[in-house]
């Protein structure tokens, strides 16, 4: 009578197992027959399986200022890095990762404070974010490399910040500039033809006045866009008591027959 024994063995790359009368270096099924001192026969059937692990070079790109965890630490410089990996079968491998660090786009839209005049037809500034071929997102909502900035486009009188996010090769950088928006009473009337709503005082503790908005629909919204107040006005100048609103940032939407304006309102108590 012959006894049969089965065994499964996983070998690592470069290792070997003695089976079937020879050293085996690759997958396969091998047979070994034995006869003991009592003249009993036995057969050992061995299934050998290679531990196959894909250790091809891994290519990774990150943006400047980011890190990629490999070899036990976060790497921040371009280069080739090796990491020792142990498979579930206990086989060791040394795998390569090539890390490429992409520089951020250089964005400079200016640093000097400038004054813009409310409703002035001829006084505006052009900002250029550079980096041709990149994608752009301005705080004004524009998506072009250059934008025209008018006083009334910034939403309210006083200090206002314009910023831009520039994305190139999936990496982004930002820059901003601060403007002072003024009424500029000395500007001739022919240059003050862009009639847009005025919202003042802003910031306010509760009472606001909206002018240049006859026959318009006024909607006051919170920062999430939820309508808090909606009314229709006929006069060219109308005041509202918002003292019941909490301190924070709000938006005033003014819909007239000519245009829709969205102004930012700050309530401070």
Foldseek 3Di string as FASTA:
>chain_A
DEAEAEEEEEDEQPAWDDFQNGTHRAFDWGKDWDADPVRYIYMYIYTYHYPDDDQAEAEEEDEQPAFDDAQNDTDRAFDKDWHWDADPSGYIDIHIYTYHYHYEDDFDQDEDEEEAEAQFQPGWDKTAGDDPPWWKQKPLRDTDRIDIGHLVSQFAAAKGKIKMWTADPNHIDMDMYIYGYYNPVVDDPVRNPRQDWYWDDAAEQFKIKIAQAAQKWKFKAAPVRHTDDIDTHHHRMDMGGGNVDDFDKIWIWIGDPPDIDIHIGTHDD
